[in-house]
C-alpha atoms as a PDB file:
ATOM      1  CA  MET A   1      19.100 -61.635   3.706  1.00  0.00           C
ATOM      2  CA  TRP A   2      21.245 -64.618   4.706  1.00  0.00           C
ATOM      3  CA  THR A   3      21.606 -67.253   2.011  1.00  0.00           C
ATOM      4  CA  PRO A   4      24.021 -70.183   1.607  1.00  0.00           C
ATOM      5  CA  GLU A   5      25.680 -68.241  -1.211  1.00  0.00           C
ATOM      6  CA  ASN A   6      26.525 -65.061   0.693  1.00  0.00           C
ATOM      7  CA  ARG A   7      27.016 -66.428   4.228  1.00  0.00           C
ATOM      8  CA  ALA A   8      30.714 -67.104   3.597  1.00  0.00           C
ATOM      9  CA  ARG A   9      31.270 -63.421   2.819  1.00  0.00           C
ATOM     10  CA  TYR A  10      30.539 -62.551   6.448  1.00  0.00           C
ATOM     11  CA  ASP A  11      32.247 -65.505   8.141  1.00  0.00           C
ATOM     12  CA  ARG A  12      34.747 -64.345  10.787  1.00  0.00           C
ATOM     13  CA  SER A  13      34.842 -67.554  12.833  1.00  0.00           C
ATOM     14  CA  LYS A  14      38.536 -68.137  12.095  1.00  0.00           C
ATOM     15  CA  LEU A  15      39.574 -64.899  13.803  1.00  0.00           C
ATOM     16  CA  ARG A  16      40.526 -64.685  17.485  1.00  0.00           C
ATOM     17  CA  TYR A  17      37.514 -62.404  18.051  1.00  0.00           C
ATOM     18  CA  PRO A  18      34.893 -61.554  15.403  1.00  0.00           C
ATOM     19  CA  SER A  19      35.739 -57.883  15.918  1.00  0.00           C
ATOM     20  CA  ASP A  20      39.428 -58.343  14.957  1.00  0.00           C
ATOM     21  CA  LEU A  21      40.685 -57.025  11.643  1.00  0.00           C
ATOM     22  CA  THR A  22      41.498 -59.499   8.924  1.00  0.00           C
ATOM     23  CA  ASP A  23      44.842 -59.306   7.112  1.00  0.00           C
ATOM     24  CA  ALA A  24      43.182 -57.591   4.159  1.00  0.00           C
ATOM     25  CA  GLU A  25      41.494 -55.014   6.413  1.00  0.00           C
ATOM     26  CA  TRP A  26      44.712 -54.297   8.293  1.00  0.00           C
ATOM     27  CA  ALA A  27      46.555 -53.831   4.986  1.00  0.00           C
ATOM     28  CA  LEU A  28      44.243 -50.893   4.271  1.00  0.00           C
ATOM     29  CA  VAL A  29      44.663 -49.298   7.688  1.00  0.00           C
ATOM     30  CA  GLU A  30      48.354 -49.854   8.392  1.00  0.00           C
ATOM     31  CA  PRO A  31      49.790 -47.316   5.877  1.00  0.00           C
ATOM     32  CA  LEU A  32      47.543 -44.594   7.328  1.00  0.00           C
ATOM     33  CA  ILE A  33      48.817 -44.896  10.916  1.00  0.00           C
ATOM     34  CA  PRO A  34      51.679 -42.472  11.614  1.00  0.00           C
ATOM     35  CA  PRO A  35      55.049 -43.857  12.766  1.00  0.00           C
ATOM     36  CA  ALA A  36      56.371 -43.327  16.269  1.00  0.00           C
ATOM     37  CA  LYS A  37      57.807 -39.918  17.025  1.00  0.00           C
ATOM     38  CA  PRO A  38      61.626 -39.659  16.992  1.00  0.00           C
ATOM     39  CA  GLY A  39      63.458 -39.714  20.276  1.00  0.00           C
ATOM     40  CA  GLY A  40      62.738 -41.563  23.474  1.00  0.00           C
ATOM     41  CA  ASN A  41      62.124 -45.274  23.734  1.00  0.00           C
ATOM     42  CA  LYS A  42      61.066 -47.297  20.747  1.00  0.00           C
ATOM     43  CA  ARG A  43      57.408 -48.138  20.293  1.00  0.00           C
ATOM     44  CA  THR A  44      56.795 -51.608  21.709  1.00  0.00           C
ATOM     45  CA  VAL A  45      53.035 -51.928  21.290  1.00  0.00           C
ATOM     46  CA  ALA A  46      51.669 -53.347  18.024  1.00  0.00           C
ATOM     47  CA  GLU A  47      49.369 -50.898  16.283  1.00  0.00           C
ATOM     48  CA  ARG A  48      47.228 -53.736  14.935  1.00  0.00           C
ATOM     49  CA  ALA A  49      46.593 -54.992  18.466  1.00  0.00           C
ATOM     50  CA  VAL A  50      45.556 -51.473  19.488  1.00  0.00           C
ATOM     51  CA  VAL A  51      43.061 -51.240  16.612  1.00  0.00           C
ATOM     52  CA  ASP A  52      41.745 -54.699  17.530  1.00  0.00           C
ATOM     53  CA  GLY A  53      41.239 -53.444  21.082  1.00  0.00           C
ATOM     54  CA  VAL A  54      39.303 -50.406  19.862  1.00  0.00           C
ATOM     55  CA  MET A  55      37.140 -52.605  17.630  1.00  0.00           C
ATOM     56  CA  TYR A  56      36.484 -55.011  20.506  1.00  0.00           C
ATOM     57  CA  VAL A  57      35.178 -52.240  22.777  1.00  0.00           C
ATOM     58  CA  LEU A  58      33.209 -50.686  19.905  1.00  0.00           C
ATOM     59  CA  THR A  59      31.585 -53.938  18.786  1.00  0.00           C
ATOM     60  CA  THR A  60      30.842 -55.567  22.130  1.00  0.00           C
ATOM     61  CA  GLY A  61      30.131 -52.422  24.144  1.00  0.00           C
ATOM     62  CA  CYS A  62      32.104 -53.755  27.118  1.00  0.00           C
ATOM     63  CA  GLN A  63      33.706 -51.624  29.818  1.00  0.00           C
ATOM     64  CA  TRP A  64      37.341 -50.679  29.372  1.00  0.00           C
ATOM     65  CA  ALA A  65      38.184 -52.778  32.436  1.00  0.00           C
ATOM     66  CA  ALA A  66      36.649 -55.830  30.712  1.00  0.00           C
ATOM     67  CA  LEU A  67      39.089 -55.716  27.787  1.00  0.00           C
ATOM     68  CA  PRO A  68      40.536 -59.240  27.320  1.00  0.00           C
ATOM     69  CA  LYS A  69      44.017 -59.847  28.687  1.00  0.00           C
ATOM     70  CA  ASP A  70      45.404 -60.925  25.303  1.00  0.00           C
ATOM     71  CA  LEU A  71      44.799 -57.391  23.981  1.00  0.00           C
ATOM     72  CA  PRO A  72      46.917 -54.378  25.021  1.00  0.00           C
ATOM     73  CA  PRO A  73      46.121 -52.787  28.397  1.00  0.00           C
ATOM     74  CA  LYS A  74      43.054 -50.564  28.539  1.00  0.00           C
ATOM     75  CA  SER A  75      45.191 -47.492  29.264  1.00  0.00           C
ATOM     76  CA  THR A  76      47.269 -48.121  26.128  1.00  0.00           C
ATOM     77  CA  VAL A  77      44.253 -48.658  23.875  1.00  0.00           C
ATOM     78  CA  HIS A  78      42.461 -45.608  25.270  1.00  0.00           C
ATOM     79  CA  ASP A  79      45.576 -43.444  24.925  1.00  0.00           C
ATOM     80  CA  TYR A  80      46.004 -44.336  21.251  1.00  0.00           C
ATOM     81  CA  LEU A  81      42.270 -43.872  20.673  1.00  0.00           C
ATOM     82  CA  ARG A  82      42.470 -40.333  22.038  1.00  0.00           C
ATOM     83  CA  ARG A  83      45.785 -39.552  20.317  1.00  0.00           C
ATOM     84  CA  TRP A  84      44.625 -40.672  16.864  1.00  0.00           C
ATOM     85  CA  ASP A  85      41.488 -38.602  17.260  1.00  0.00           C
ATOM     86  CA  GLU A  86      43.329 -35.464  18.300  1.00  0.00           C
ATOM     87  CA  ASP A  87      46.098 -35.575  15.660  1.00  0.00           C
ATOM     88  CA  GLY A  88      43.696 -36.224  12.770  1.00  0.00           C
ATOM     89  CA  THR A  89      44.740 -39.826  12.105  1.00  0.00           C
ATOM     90  CA  LEU A  90      41.185 -41.135  12.488  1.00  0.00           C
ATOM     91  CA  GLU A  91      39.842 -38.495  10.124  1.00  0.00           C
ATOM     92  CA  ARG A  92      42.480 -39.369   7.507  1.00  0.00           C
ATOM     93  CA  ILE A  93      41.732 -43.092   7.808  1.00  0.00           C
ATOM     94  CA  HIS A  94      38.016 -42.453   7.444  1.00  0.00           C
ATOM     95  CA  HIS A  95      38.385 -40.225   4.388  1.00  0.00           C
ATOM     96  CA  ALA A  96      40.845 -42.576   2.647  1.00  0.00           C
ATOM     97  CA  LEU A  97      38.516 -45.544   3.110  1.00  0.00           C
ATOM     98  CA  TYR A  98      35.559 -43.430   1.985  1.00  0.00           C
ATOM     99  CA  VAL A  99      37.300 -42.618  -1.301  1.00  0.00           C
ATOM    100  CA  LEU A 100      38.156 -46.306  -1.821  1.00  0.00           C
ATOM    101  CA  CYS A 101      34.529 -47.319  -1.235  1.00  0.00           C
ATOM    102  CA  ARG A 102      33.351 -44.720  -3.735  1.00  0.00           C
ATOM    103  CA  GLU A 103      35.833 -45.970  -6.320  1.00  0.00           C
ATOM    104  CA  GLN A 104      34.818 -49.582  -5.668  1.00  0.00           C
ATOM    105  CA  ALA A 105      31.213 -48.614  -6.460  1.00  0.00           C
ATOM    106  CA  GLY A 106      32.286 -46.846  -9.654  1.00  0.00           C
ATOM    107  CA  ARG A 107      31.526 -43.364  -8.291  1.00  0.00           C
ATOM    108  CA  GLU A 108      33.503 -40.146  -8.184  1.00  0.00           C
ATOM    109  CA  ALA A 109      35.375 -39.429  -4.957  1.00  0.00           C
ATOM    110  CA  SER A 110      33.238 -36.368  -4.210  1.00  0.00           C
ATOM    111  CA  PRO A 111      29.471 -37.017  -4.248  1.00  0.00           C
ATOM    112  CA  THR A 112      26.931 -34.657  -5.757  1.00  0.00           C
ATOM    113  CA  ALA A 113      23.994 -35.613  -3.487  1.00  0.00           C
ATOM    114  CA  ALA A 114      23.700 -36.305   0.244  1.00  0.00           C
ATOM    115  CA  ILE A 115      21.070 -37.029   2.875  1.00  0.00           C
ATOM    116  CA  ILE A 116      21.012 -35.548   6.366  1.00  0.00           C
ATOM    117  CA  ASP A 117      19.275 -36.831   9.493  1.00  0.00           C
ATOM    118  CA  SER A 118      19.723 -37.090  13.254  1.00  0.00           C
ATOM    119  CA  GLN A 119      19.330 -39.717  15.970  1.00  0.00           C
ATOM    120  CA  SER A 120      18.666 -38.987  19.630  1.00  0.00           C
ATOM    121  CA  VAL A 121      20.244 -41.469  22.052  1.00  0.00           C
ATOM    122  CA  LYS A 122      19.819 -41.823  25.794  1.00  0.00           C
ATOM    123  CA  GLY A 123      22.666 -40.678  27.990  1.00  0.00           C
ATOM    124  CA  ALA A 124      24.358 -42.925  30.528  1.00  0.00           C
ATOM    125  CA  GLU A 125      24.322 -42.309  34.259  1.00  0.00           C
ATOM    126  CA  LYS A 126      27.064 -39.734  34.469  1.00  0.00           C
ATOM    127  CA  GLY A 127      27.411 -36.182  35.691  1.00  0.00           C
ATOM    128  CA  GLY A 128      29.807 -33.512  36.863  1.00  0.00           C
ATOM    129  CA  ALA A 129      31.301 -30.241  35.750  1.00  0.00           C
ATOM    130  CA  GLY A 130      33.769 -31.857  33.327  1.00  0.00           C
ATOM    131  CA  ILE A 131      31.248 -33.277  30.859  1.00  0.00           C
ATOM    132  CA  ASP A 132      29.433 -31.860  27.879  1.00  0.00           C
ATOM    133  CA  PRO A 133      25.870 -31.271  29.118  1.00  0.00           C
ATOM    134  CA  PRO A 134      23.079 -33.425  27.668  1.00  0.00           C
ATOM    135  CA  GLY A 135      19.708 -32.143  26.547  1.00  0.00           C
ATOM    136  CA  TYR A 136      16.098 -33.270  26.372  1.00  0.00           C
ATOM    137  CA  ASP A 137      14.534 -34.048  23.007  1.00  0.00           C
ATOM    138  CA  ALA A 138      10.876 -33.268  23.628  1.00  0.00           C
ATOM    139  CA  GLY A 139       9.785 -34.904  20.380  1.00  0.00           C
ATOM    140  CA  LYS A 140      11.435 -38.257  21.107  1.00  0.00           C
ATOM    141  CA  LYS A 141      11.117 -37.995  24.913  1.00  0.00           C
ATOM    142  CA  ILE A 142      14.846 -38.737  25.251  1.00  0.00           C
ATOM    143  CA  LYS A 143      17.386 -37.120  27.564  1.00  0.00           C
ATOM    144  CA  GLY A 144      20.882 -37.433  26.179  1.00  0.00           C
ATOM    145  CA  LYS A 145      22.739 -36.527  23.020  1.00  0.00           C
ATOM    146  CA  LYS A 146      21.869 -36.205  19.360  1.00  0.00           C
ATOM    147  CA  ARG A 147      23.981 -37.658  16.547  1.00  0.00           C
ATOM    148  CA  HIS A 148      23.765 -35.689  13.341  1.00  0.00           C
ATOM    149  CA  VAL A 149      24.933 -37.611  10.264  1.00  0.00           C
ATOM    150  CA  LEU A 150      25.405 -36.795   6.597  1.00  0.00           C
ATOM    151  CA  VAL A 151      25.589 -39.710   4.149  1.00  0.00           C
ATOM    152  CA  ASP A 152      25.862 -40.089   0.387  1.00  0.00           C
ATOM    153  CA  THR A 153      23.529 -42.094  -1.833  1.00  0.00           C
ATOM    154  CA  GLN A 154      25.616 -45.225  -1.157  1.00  0.00           C
ATOM    155  CA  GLY A 155      24.905 -44.940   2.562  1.00  0.00           C
ATOM    156  CA  LEU A 156      28.506 -44.039   3.451  1.00  0.00           C
ATOM    157  CA  LEU A 157      29.123 -41.575   6.260  1.00  0.00           C
ATOM    158  CA  MET A 158      30.461 -38.256   4.982  1.00  0.00           C
ATOM    159  CA  GLN A 159      30.383 -36.138   8.134  1.00  0.00           C
ATOM    160  CA  ALA A 160      28.938 -36.423  11.637  1.00  0.00           C
ATOM    161  CA  MET A 161      28.496 -34.360  14.767  1.00  0.00           C
ATOM    162  CA  VAL A 162      27.406 -35.066  18.344  1.00  0.00           C
ATOM    163  CA  HIS A 163      25.646 -32.403  20.413  1.00  0.00           C
ATOM    164  CA  ALA A 164      22.984 -32.027  23.091  1.00  0.00           C
ATOM    165  CA  ALA A 165      19.596 -33.524  22.245  1.00  0.00           C
ATOM    166  CA  ASP A 166      17.731 -30.258  22.846  1.00  0.00           C
ATOM    167  CA  ILE A 167      19.341 -28.602  19.807  1.00  0.00           C
ATOM    168  CA  GLN A 168      16.802 -28.579  16.997  1.00  0.00           C
ATOM    169  CA  ASP A 169      17.557 -30.383  13.735  1.00  0.00           C
ATOM    170  CA  ARG A 170      17.580 -27.149  11.751  1.00  0.00           C
ATOM    171  CA  ASP A 171      20.213 -25.651  14.083  1.00  0.00           C
ATOM    172  CA  GLY A 172      22.369 -28.756  14.356  1.00  0.00           C
ATOM    173  CA  GLY A 173      22.102 -29.297  10.603  1.00  0.00           C
ATOM    174  CA  VAL A 174      23.698 -25.915   9.929  1.00  0.00           C
ATOM    175  CA  LEU A 175      26.548 -26.769  12.310  1.00  0.00           C
ATOM    176  CA  LEU A 176      27.048 -30.103  10.552  1.00  0.00           C
ATOM    177  CA  MET A 177      27.087 -28.622   7.052  1.00  0.00           C
ATOM    178  CA  GLY A 178      29.461 -25.898   8.212  1.00  0.00           C
ATOM    179  CA  ALA A 179      31.872 -28.596   9.440  1.00  0.00           C
ATOM    180  CA  LEU A 180      32.440 -29.846   5.867  1.00  0.00           C
ATOM    181  CA  PHE A 181      34.914 -26.996   5.188  1.00  0.00           C
ATOM    182  CA  GLY A 182      34.808 -27.574   1.427  1.00  0.00           C
ATOM    183  CA  LEU A 183      35.665 -31.275   1.754  1.00  0.00           C
ATOM    184  CA  TYR A 184      33.111 -32.210  -0.937  1.00  0.00           C
ATOM    185  CA  PRO A 185      33.253 -29.412  -3.513  1.00  0.00           C
ATOM    186  CA  PHE A 186      30.845 -31.049  -5.982  1.00  0.00           C
ATOM    187  CA  LEU A 187      28.006 -31.511  -3.493  1.00  0.00           C
ATOM    188  CA  LEU A 188      24.946 -29.894  -5.062  1.00  0.00           C
ATOM    189  CA  LYS A 189      21.864 -31.621  -3.618  1.00  0.00           C
ATOM    190  CA  LEU A 190      20.760 -32.232  -0.027  1.00  0.00           C
ATOM    191  CA  TYR A 191      17.774 -34.364   0.962  1.00  0.00           C
ATOM    192  CA  ALA A 192      16.187 -33.920   4.377  1.00  0.00           C
ATOM    193  CA  ASP A 193      12.966 -34.555   6.273  1.00  0.00           C
ATOM    194  CA  SER A 194      10.431 -31.970   7.415  1.00  0.00           C
ATOM    195  CA  GLY A 195      12.468 -31.168  10.530  1.00  0.00           C
ATOM    196  CA  TYR A 196      14.798 -29.121   8.323  1.00  0.00           C
ATOM    197  CA  GLN A 197      12.165 -27.103   6.517  1.00  0.00           C
ATOM    198  CA  GLY A 198      11.809 -23.393   7.081  1.00  0.00           C
ATOM    199  CA  ALA A 199      13.791 -20.281   6.343  1.00  0.00           C
ATOM    200  CA  LYS A 200      16.145 -20.655   9.306  1.00  0.00           C
ATOM    201  CA  PHE A 201      17.851 -23.795   8.020  1.00  0.00           C
ATOM    202  CA  GLN A 202      17.768 -22.681   4.395  1.00  0.00           C
ATOM    203  CA  ASP A 203      19.371 -19.340   5.243  1.00  0.00           C
ATOM    204  CA  GLY A 204      22.016 -21.055   7.364  1.00  0.00           C
ATOM    205  CA  LEU A 205      22.691 -23.611   4.634  1.00  0.00           C
ATOM    206  CA  LYS A 206      23.074 -20.844   2.079  1.00  0.00           C
ATOM    207  CA  GLY A 207      25.595 -19.125   4.334  1.00  0.00           C
ATOM    208  CA  VAL A 208      27.873 -22.161   4.767  1.00  0.00           C
ATOM    209  CA  CYS A 209      27.227 -24.073   1.508  1.00  0.00           C
ATOM    210  CA  GLY A 210      25.727 -21.656  -0.968  1.00  0.00           C
ATOM    211  CA  GLN A 211      25.827 -24.024  -3.938  1.00  0.00           C
ATOM    212  CA  ILE A 212      23.677 -26.764  -2.314  1.00  0.00           C
ATOM    213  CA  ASN A 213      19.975 -27.050  -3.130  1.00  0.00           C
ATOM    214  CA  LEU A 214      17.719 -28.420  -0.379  1.00  0.00           C
ATOM    215  CA  GLU A 215      14.864 -30.831  -1.073  1.00  0.00           C
ATOM    216  CA  ILE A 216      12.461 -31.754   1.728  1.00  0.00           C
ATOM    217  CA  VAL A 217      11.139 -35.321   1.436  1.00  0.00           C
ATOM    218  CA  ARG A 218       7.837 -35.294   3.325  1.00  0.00           C
ATOM    219  CA  ARG A 219       6.130 -38.245   4.927  1.00  0.00           C
ATOM    220  CA  CYS A 220       3.226 -39.805   3.074  1.00  0.00           C
ATOM    221  CA  ASP A 221      -0.194 -38.774   4.428  1.00  0.00           C
ATOM    222  CA  ARG A 222      -1.595 -42.263   4.027  1.00  0.00           C
ATOM    223  CA  HIS A 223      -1.689 -44.367   7.184  1.00  0.00           C
ATOM    224  CA  ARG A 224       0.553 -47.126   5.914  1.00  0.00           C
ATOM    225  CA  PHE A 225       4.255 -47.861   5.577  1.00  0.00           C
ATOM    226  CA  VAL A 226       5.865 -46.238   2.548  1.00  0.00           C
ATOM    227  CA  VAL A 227       9.558 -46.249   1.651  1.00  0.00           C
ATOM    228  CA  LEU A 228      10.391 -42.557   1.368  1.00  0.00           C
ATOM    229  CA  PRO A 229      12.711 -41.580  -1.493  1.00  0.00           C
ATOM    230  CA  LYS A 230      16.329 -41.038  -0.357  1.00  0.00           C
ATOM    231  CA  ARG A 231      15.408 -40.774   3.325  1.00  0.00           C
ATOM    232  CA  TRP A 232      15.566 -44.551   3.781  1.00  0.00           C
ATOM    233  CA  ILE A 233      19.283 -44.459   2.907  1.00  0.00           C
ATOM    234  CA  VAL A 234      20.312 -42.448   5.957  1.00  0.00           C
ATOM    235  CA  GLU A 235      17.979 -44.486   8.189  1.00  0.00           C
ATOM    236  CA  ARG A 236      19.678 -47.645   6.960  1.00  0.00           C
ATOM    237  CA  THR A 237      23.120 -46.191   7.694  1.00  0.00           C
ATOM    238  CA  ILE A 238      22.078 -45.336  11.255  1.00  0.00           C
ATOM    239  CA  ALA A 239      20.897 -48.939  11.649  1.00  0.00           C
ATOM    240  CA  TRP A 240      24.236 -50.211  10.309  1.00  0.00           C
ATOM    241  CA  LEU A 241      26.180 -48.076  12.777  1.00  0.00           C
ATOM    242  CA  ASN A 242      23.975 -49.153  15.676  1.00  0.00           C
ATOM    243  CA  ARG A 243      25.130 -52.737  15.230  1.00  0.00           C
ATOM    244  CA  CYS A 244      28.098 -51.580  17.306  1.00  0.00           C
ATOM    245  CA  ARG A 245      26.868 -51.973  20.867  1.00  0.00           C
ATOM    246  CA  ARG A 246      29.058 -49.162  22.156  1.00  0.00           C
ATOM    247  CA  LEU A 247      26.662 -46.805  20.350  1.00  0.00           C
ATOM    248  CA  ALA A 248      23.545 -48.178  22.070  1.00  0.00           C
ATOM    249  CA  LYS A 249      23.741 -45.290  24.540  1.00  0.00           C
ATOM    250  CA  ASP A 250      25.835 -42.173  24.942  1.00  0.00           C
ATOM    251  CA  TRP A 251      28.446 -43.533  27.336  1.00  0.00           C
ATOM    252  CA  LYS A 252      31.063 -40.814  26.852  1.00  0.00           C
ATOM    253  CA  CYS A 253      31.398 -37.623  28.859  1.00  0.00           C
ATOM    254  CA  LEU A 254      32.580 -35.531  25.907  1.00  0.00           C
ATOM    255  CA  ASN A 255      30.863 -35.047  22.560  1.00  0.00           C
ATOM    256  CA  ARG A 256      34.204 -35.439  20.845  1.00  0.00           C
ATOM    257  CA  SER A 257      34.684 -38.889  22.353  1.00  0.00           C
ATOM    258  CA  GLY A 258      31.220 -39.964  21.229  1.00  0.00           C
ATOM    259  CA  LEU A 259      31.985 -38.731  17.718  1.00  0.00           C
ATOM    260  CA  CYS A 260      35.262 -40.685  17.787  1.00  0.00           C
ATOM    261  CA  PHE A 261      33.450 -43.988  18.331  1.00  0.00           C
ATOM    262  CA  LEU A 262      30.876 -43.070  15.690  1.00  0.00           C
ATOM    263  CA  ARG A 263      33.653 -42.601  13.138  1.00  0.00           C
ATOM    264  CA  TRP A 264      35.299 -45.874  14.128  1.00  0.00           C
ATOM    265  CA  ALA A 265      31.952 -47.579  13.533  1.00  0.00           C
ATOM    266  CA  SER A 266      31.928 -46.085  10.042  1.00  0.00           C
ATOM    267  CA  VAL A 267      35.524 -47.254   9.506  1.00  0.00           C
ATOM    268  CA  ARG A 268      34.469 -50.764  10.548  1.00  0.00           C
ATOM    269  CA  LEU A 269      31.598 -50.682   8.065  1.00  0.00           C
ATOM    270  CA  MET A 270      33.776 -49.504   5.167  1.00  0.00           C
ATOM    271  CA  LEU A 271      36.562 -52.007   5.886  1.00  0.00           C
ATOM    272  CA  ARG A 272      34.131 -54.897   5.738  1.00  0.00           C
ATOM    273  CA  ARG A 273      32.586 -53.578   2.566  1.00  0.00           C
ATOM    274  CA  LEU A 274      35.992 -53.257   0.888  1.00  0.00           C
ATOM    275  CA  CYS A 275      37.283 -56.664   2.009  1.00  0.00           C
ATOM    276  CA  GLN A 276      34.292 -58.945   1.697  1.00  0.00           C
ATOM    277  CA  THR A 277      35.293 -62.239   0.101  1.00  0.00           C
ATOM    278  CA  THR A 278      33.305 -64.181  -2.446  1.00  0.00           C
ATOM    279  CA  LYS A 279      34.172 -67.738  -1.457  1.00  0.00           C
END
């Protein structure tokens, strides 16, 4: 809720673009970006300008060709976006900021409880043999991709995955939990909705994360709005991430590229949480 007291915490009017990083936000990201490789010509592009370009596309949802002229060329920004995703830089940035956010909230770095959910998004008008095929979610009546997310009780993104929309939640959930690879060793509790109930998901969860106990939070039978325990947290996180207009649809041809933008949206969220001022 906007009030005169907290409005200044979100004021970005003094920046060139509202999507640009502040000095405090860049100070958190800069040490995590790898230096230029030895040999060849020296790096001439400013890494901060590249990150600002990524944030501009992510926040506004514009085409790459519509990137403002005072930012690096679209080919440069896209090349660094792909390179940082492939060499693990984005994953390291995300995890480092996640640990800082947990410490800021007075929590341990590794959570003990998490909530899982998915979001089906419409695909853009694209096709061809070189793309990851979309699917049709019969429940949501959506043709496109499905974003599977795992968040902690603070609403911070722990892990995510993008796959075809016709993959059921119980199958995609097992793939998502298997992608943790022991990253959160103290995770003991998992909350989910009724789409994850049944022996298939429980058996798969036991195979990849045997120490985690599953609790299904069912919808209230009464015909009125009820805030469901724990489930509202992951729904709120999805709403936070969807403030980035690039995520309004599945614009990317590859699932990996869609996941890249989803992680940058989480990085944007954590940076602003860590660097909010109290003027």
